[in-house]
Amino acid sequence: MRIVRLNRSVLLGGIVLAALFHQPLITTVLFLMVAPSVAFGKRASVIFLVGSRLFPGHKTGEALESQQLMRFNNAIAAILLGAAQIAFATGSTTAGWFLCGMVAVAAGIALCGFCLGCFLYFQFNMQRFRLFGQKAEPA
């Protein structure tokens, strides 16, 4: 969870800095940090690699976050930040900042204790279960 909090803090802090200095390039760097972890998993995440060095091992009794859930949350952040990059590139700066703001708000709320991405992940899986039933067990 320490690395998860680090991830959320980096996203929130980076977007706040970008907005304060009116530098969309900072959000591009954030996108480039998050996207590889979505595509290739935690080993491709710069934040995971830095967090692993800062916080070696995990404390006994420390809560762990599902890798699938973290990847889902990062996918949402990457999609929104990627869409923001497209908006910035096409001159729609208001839309770009709005999309970045959505990521910042979600990260801020998550740091306060409610993970919006986790809620969406749960709802997605509930709806998938209702539509398709129980997942088949691997043989």
C-alpha atoms as a PDB file:
ATOM      1  CA  MET A   1       0.000   0.000   0.000  1.00  0.00           C
ATOM      2  CA  ARG A   2       2.927   2.364   0.497  1.00  0.00           C
ATOM      3  CA  ILE A   3       3.747   2.149  -3.206  1.00  0.00           C
ATOM      4  CA  VAL A   4       0.058   2.610  -4.059  1.00  0.00           C
ATOM      5  CA  ARG A   5      -0.014   5.786  -1.940  1.00  0.00           C
ATOM      6  CA  LEU A   6       3.207   6.910  -3.636  1.00  0.00           C
ATOM      7  CA  ASN A   7       1.583   6.378  -7.046  1.00  0.00           C
ATOM      8  CA  ARG A   8      -1.467   8.417  -6.046  1.00  0.00           C
ATOM      9  CA  SER A   9       0.702  11.149  -4.513  1.00  0.00           C
ATOM     10  CA  VAL A  10       2.874  11.429  -7.631  1.00  0.00           C
ATOM     11  CA  LEU A  11      -0.205  11.740  -9.845  1.00  0.00           C
ATOM     12  CA  LEU A  12      -1.838  14.335  -7.608  1.00  0.00           C
ATOM     13  CA  GLY A  13       1.342  16.326  -7.019  1.00  0.00           C
ATOM     14  CA  GLY A  14       2.349  16.234 -10.668  1.00  0.00           C
ATOM     15  CA  ILE A  15      -1.011  17.461 -11.894  1.00  0.00           C
ATOM     16  CA  VAL A  16      -1.160  20.206  -9.271  1.00  0.00           C
ATOM     17  CA  LEU A  17       2.338  21.375 -10.270  1.00  0.00           C
ATOM     18  CA  ALA A  18       1.407  21.240 -13.950  1.00  0.00           C
ATOM     19  CA  ALA A  19      -1.708  23.329 -13.336  1.00  0.00           C
ATOM     20  CA  LEU A  20       0.121  25.858 -11.135  1.00  0.00           C
ATOM     21  CA  PHE A  21       2.837  26.413 -13.729  1.00  0.00           C
ATOM     22  CA  HIS A  22       0.521  25.954 -16.745  1.00  0.00           C
ATOM     23  CA  GLN A  23       2.832  23.228 -18.071  1.00  0.00           C
ATOM     24  CA  PRO A  24       0.975  20.404 -19.842  1.00  0.00           C
ATOM     25  CA  LEU A  25       4.383  18.803 -20.460  1.00  0.00           C
ATOM     26  CA  ILE A  26       4.387  17.670 -16.814  1.00  0.00           C
ATOM     27  CA  THR A  27       1.172  15.746 -17.480  1.00  0.00           C
ATOM     28  CA  THR A  28       2.862  14.185 -20.506  1.00  0.00           C
ATOM     29  CA  VAL A  29       5.632  12.918 -18.218  1.00  0.00           C
ATOM     30  CA  LEU A  30       2.990  11.502 -15.851  1.00  0.00           C
ATOM     31  CA  PHE A  31       1.291   9.765 -18.775  1.00  0.00           C
ATOM     32  CA  LEU A  32       4.617   8.285 -19.874  1.00  0.00           C
ATOM     33  CA  MET A  33       5.198   7.040 -16.314  1.00  0.00           C
ATOM     34  CA  VAL A  34       1.770   5.390 -15.946  1.00  0.00           C
ATOM     35  CA  ALA A  35       1.208   3.933 -19.434  1.00  0.00           C
ATOM     36  CA  PRO A  36       4.001   1.296 -19.350  1.00  0.00           C
ATOM     37  CA  SER A  37       2.655  -0.137 -16.091  1.00  0.00           C
ATOM     38  CA  VAL A  38      -0.727  -0.638 -17.767  1.00  0.00           C
ATOM     39  CA  ALA A  39       0.787  -2.297 -20.808  1.00  0.00           C
ATOM     40  CA  PHE A  40       3.495  -4.394 -19.134  1.00  0.00           C
ATOM     41  CA  GLY A  41       2.656  -4.608 -15.427  1.00  0.00           C
ATOM     42  CA  LYS A  42       4.281  -3.283 -12.290  1.00  0.00           C
ATOM     43  CA  ARG A  43       7.848  -4.127 -13.355  1.00  0.00           C
ATOM     44  CA  ALA A  44       7.544  -1.492 -16.107  1.00  0.00           C
ATOM     45  CA  SER A  45       6.345   1.167 -13.669  1.00  0.00           C
ATOM     46  CA  VAL A  46       8.853   3.879 -12.787  1.00  0.00           C
ATOM     47  CA  ILE A  47       6.852   4.605  -9.635  1.00  0.00           C
ATOM     48  CA  PHE A  48       6.947   0.933  -8.604  1.00  0.00           C
ATOM     49  CA  LEU A  49      10.703   0.753  -9.175  1.00  0.00           C
ATOM     50  CA  VAL A  50      11.337   3.927  -7.136  1.00  0.00           C
ATOM     51  CA  GLY A  51       8.870   2.810  -4.458  1.00  0.00           C
ATOM     52  CA  SER A  52      10.537  -0.589  -4.190  1.00  0.00           C
ATOM     53  CA  ARG A  53      13.836   1.143  -3.435  1.00  0.00           C
ATOM     54  CA  LEU A  54      12.286   3.616  -0.989  1.00  0.00           C
ATOM     55  CA  PHE A  55      10.172   0.996   0.792  1.00  0.00           C
ATOM     56  CA  PRO A  56      12.024  -2.351   0.646  1.00  0.00           C
ATOM     57  CA  GLY A  57       9.880  -5.340   1.575  1.00  0.00           C
ATOM     58  CA  HIS A  58       6.538  -4.923   3.247  1.00  0.00           C
ATOM     59  CA  LYS A  59       5.645  -4.650   6.865  1.00  0.00           C
ATOM     60  CA  THR A  60       3.956  -7.571   8.569  1.00  0.00           C
ATOM     61  CA  GLY A  61       0.230  -6.966   8.665  1.00  0.00           C
ATOM     62  CA  GLU A  62       0.394  -4.221   6.037  1.00  0.00           C
ATOM     63  CA  ALA A  63      -2.559  -4.209   3.667  1.00  0.00           C
ATOM     64  CA  LEU A  64      -1.766  -5.289   0.117  1.00  0.00           C
ATOM     65  CA  GLU A  65      -3.515  -4.111  -3.035  1.00  0.00           C
ATOM     66  CA  SER A  66      -4.473  -6.489  -5.821  1.00  0.00           C
ATOM     67  CA  GLN A  67      -2.209  -6.148  -8.857  1.00  0.00           C
ATOM     68  CA  GLN A  68      -5.274  -6.378 -11.119  1.00  0.00           C
ATOM     69  CA  LEU A  69      -6.924  -3.539  -9.216  1.00  0.00           C
ATOM     70  CA  MET A  70      -3.811  -1.369  -9.395  1.00  0.00           C
ATOM     71  CA  ARG A  71      -3.521  -2.032 -13.125  1.00  0.00           C
ATOM     72  CA  PHE A  72      -7.199  -1.130 -13.584  1.00  0.00           C
ATOM     73  CA  ASN A  73      -6.720   2.148 -11.682  1.00  0.00           C
ATOM     74  CA  ASN A  74      -3.593   2.960 -13.685  1.00  0.00           C
ATOM     75  CA  ALA A  75      -5.473   2.166 -16.909  1.00  0.00           C
ATOM     76  CA  ILE A  76      -8.126   4.735 -16.022  1.00  0.00           C
ATOM     77  CA  ALA A  77      -5.428   7.302 -15.213  1.00  0.00           C
ATOM     78  CA  ALA A  78      -3.541   6.491 -18.442  1.00  0.00           C
ATOM     79  CA  ILE A  79      -6.689   6.795 -20.567  1.00  0.00           C
ATOM     80  CA  LEU A  80      -7.604  10.150 -19.021  1.00  0.00           C
ATOM     81  CA  LEU A  81      -4.043  11.491 -19.197  1.00  0.00           C
ATOM     82  CA  GLY A  82      -3.685  10.219 -22.770  1.00  0.00           C
ATOM     83  CA  ALA A  83      -6.940  11.915 -23.748  1.00  0.00           C
ATOM     84  CA  ALA A  84      -5.639  15.067 -22.057  1.00  0.00           C
ATOM     85  CA  GLN A  85      -2.501  14.916 -24.198  1.00  0.00           C
ATOM     86  CA  ILE A  86      -4.647  14.701 -27.318  1.00  0.00           C
ATOM     87  CA  ALA A  87      -6.701  17.657 -26.091  1.00  0.00           C
ATOM     88  CA  PHE A  88      -3.579  19.709 -25.390  1.00  0.00           C
ATOM     89  CA  ALA A  89      -2.115  18.821 -28.792  1.00  0.00           C
ATOM     90  CA  THR A  90      -5.289  19.901 -30.598  1.00  0.00           C
ATOM     91  CA  GLY A  91      -5.511  23.190 -28.732  1.00  0.00           C
ATOM     92  CA  SER A  92      -8.361  22.215 -26.391  1.00  0.00           C
ATOM     93  CA  THR A  93      -6.522  23.204 -23.242  1.00  0.00           C
ATOM     94  CA  THR A  94      -9.687  23.509 -21.156  1.00  0.00           C
ATOM     95  CA  ALA A  95     -10.633  19.915 -21.961  1.00  0.00           C
ATOM     96  CA  GLY A  96      -7.061  18.786 -21.273  1.00  0.00           C
ATOM     97  CA  TRP A  97      -6.985  20.407 -17.850  1.00  0.00           C
ATOM     98  CA  PHE A  98     -10.444  19.019 -17.074  1.00  0.00           C
ATOM     99  CA  LEU A  99      -9.292  15.472 -17.869  1.00  0.00           C
ATOM    100  CA  CYS A 100      -6.142  15.948 -15.786  1.00  0.00           C
ATOM    101  CA  GLY A 101      -8.300  17.368 -13.013  1.00  0.00           C
ATOM    102  CA  MET A 102     -10.388  14.196 -13.005  1.00  0.00           C
ATOM    103  CA  VAL A 103      -7.231  12.159 -12.364  1.00  0.00           C
ATOM    104  CA  ALA A 104      -6.118  14.573  -9.634  1.00  0.00           C
ATOM    105  CA  VAL A 105      -9.507  14.496  -7.900  1.00  0.00           C
ATOM    106  CA  ALA A 106      -9.622  10.689  -8.011  1.00  0.00           C
ATOM    107  CA  ALA A 107      -6.063  10.453  -6.636  1.00  0.00           C
ATOM    108  CA  GLY A 108      -6.842  12.989  -3.905  1.00  0.00           C
ATOM    109  CA  ILE A 109     -10.016  11.189  -2.859  1.00  0.00           C
ATOM    110  CA  ALA A 110      -8.115   7.880  -2.866  1.00  0.00           C
ATOM    111  CA  LEU A 111      -5.458   9.367  -0.578  1.00  0.00           C
ATOM    112  CA  CYS A 112      -8.292  10.334   1.783  1.00  0.00           C
ATOM    113  CA  GLY A 113      -9.533   6.748   1.897  1.00  0.00           C
ATOM    114  CA  PHE A 114     -12.098   6.205  -0.876  1.00  0.00           C
ATOM    115  CA  CYS A 115     -10.798   4.658  -4.077  1.00  0.00           C
ATOM    116  CA  LEU A 116     -13.089   5.602  -6.953  1.00  0.00           C
ATOM    117  CA  GLY A 117     -11.240   3.238  -9.303  1.00  0.00           C
ATOM    118  CA  CYS A 118     -11.768   0.381  -6.829  1.00  0.00           C
ATOM    119  CA  PHE A 119     -15.479   1.181  -6.725  1.00  0.00           C
ATOM    120  CA  LEU A 120     -15.646   1.174 -10.542  1.00  0.00           C
ATOM    121  CA  TYR A 121     -13.689  -2.107 -10.669  1.00  0.00           C
ATOM    122  CA  PHE A 122     -16.144  -3.704  -8.241  1.00  0.00           C
ATOM    123  CA  GLN A 123     -19.153  -2.420 -10.212  1.00  0.00           C
ATOM    124  CA  PHE A 124     -17.633  -3.595 -13.496  1.00  0.00           C
ATOM    125  CA  ASN A 125     -17.117  -7.093 -12.109  1.00  0.00           C
ATOM    126  CA  MET A 126     -20.625  -7.195 -10.597  1.00  0.00           C
ATOM    127  CA  GLN A 127     -22.195  -6.250 -13.936  1.00  0.00           C
ATOM    128  CA  ARG A 128     -20.010  -8.762 -15.771  1.00  0.00           C
ATOM    129  CA  PHE A 129     -21.141 -11.459 -13.320  1.00  0.00           C
ATOM    130  CA  ARG A 130     -24.801 -10.508 -13.806  1.00  0.00           C
ATOM    131  CA  LEU A 131     -24.460 -10.659 -17.588  1.00  0.00           C
ATOM    132  CA  PHE A 132     -22.217 -13.688 -18.014  1.00  0.00           C
ATOM    133  CA  GLY A 133     -22.411 -15.592 -14.742  1.00  0.00           C
ATOM    134  CA  GLN A 134     -19.520 -17.046 -12.845  1.00  0.00           C
ATOM    135  CA  LYS A 135     -16.097 -17.158 -14.482  1.00  0.00           C
ATOM    136  CA  ALA A 136     -15.045 -20.580 -15.716  1.00  0.00           C
ATOM    137  CA  GLU A 137     -12.467 -22.275 -13.522  1.00  0.00           C
ATOM    138  CA  PRO A 138      -9.128 -22.992 -15.228  1.00  0.00           C
ATOM    139  CA  ALA A 139      -8.536 -26.662 -15.953  1.00  0.00           C
END
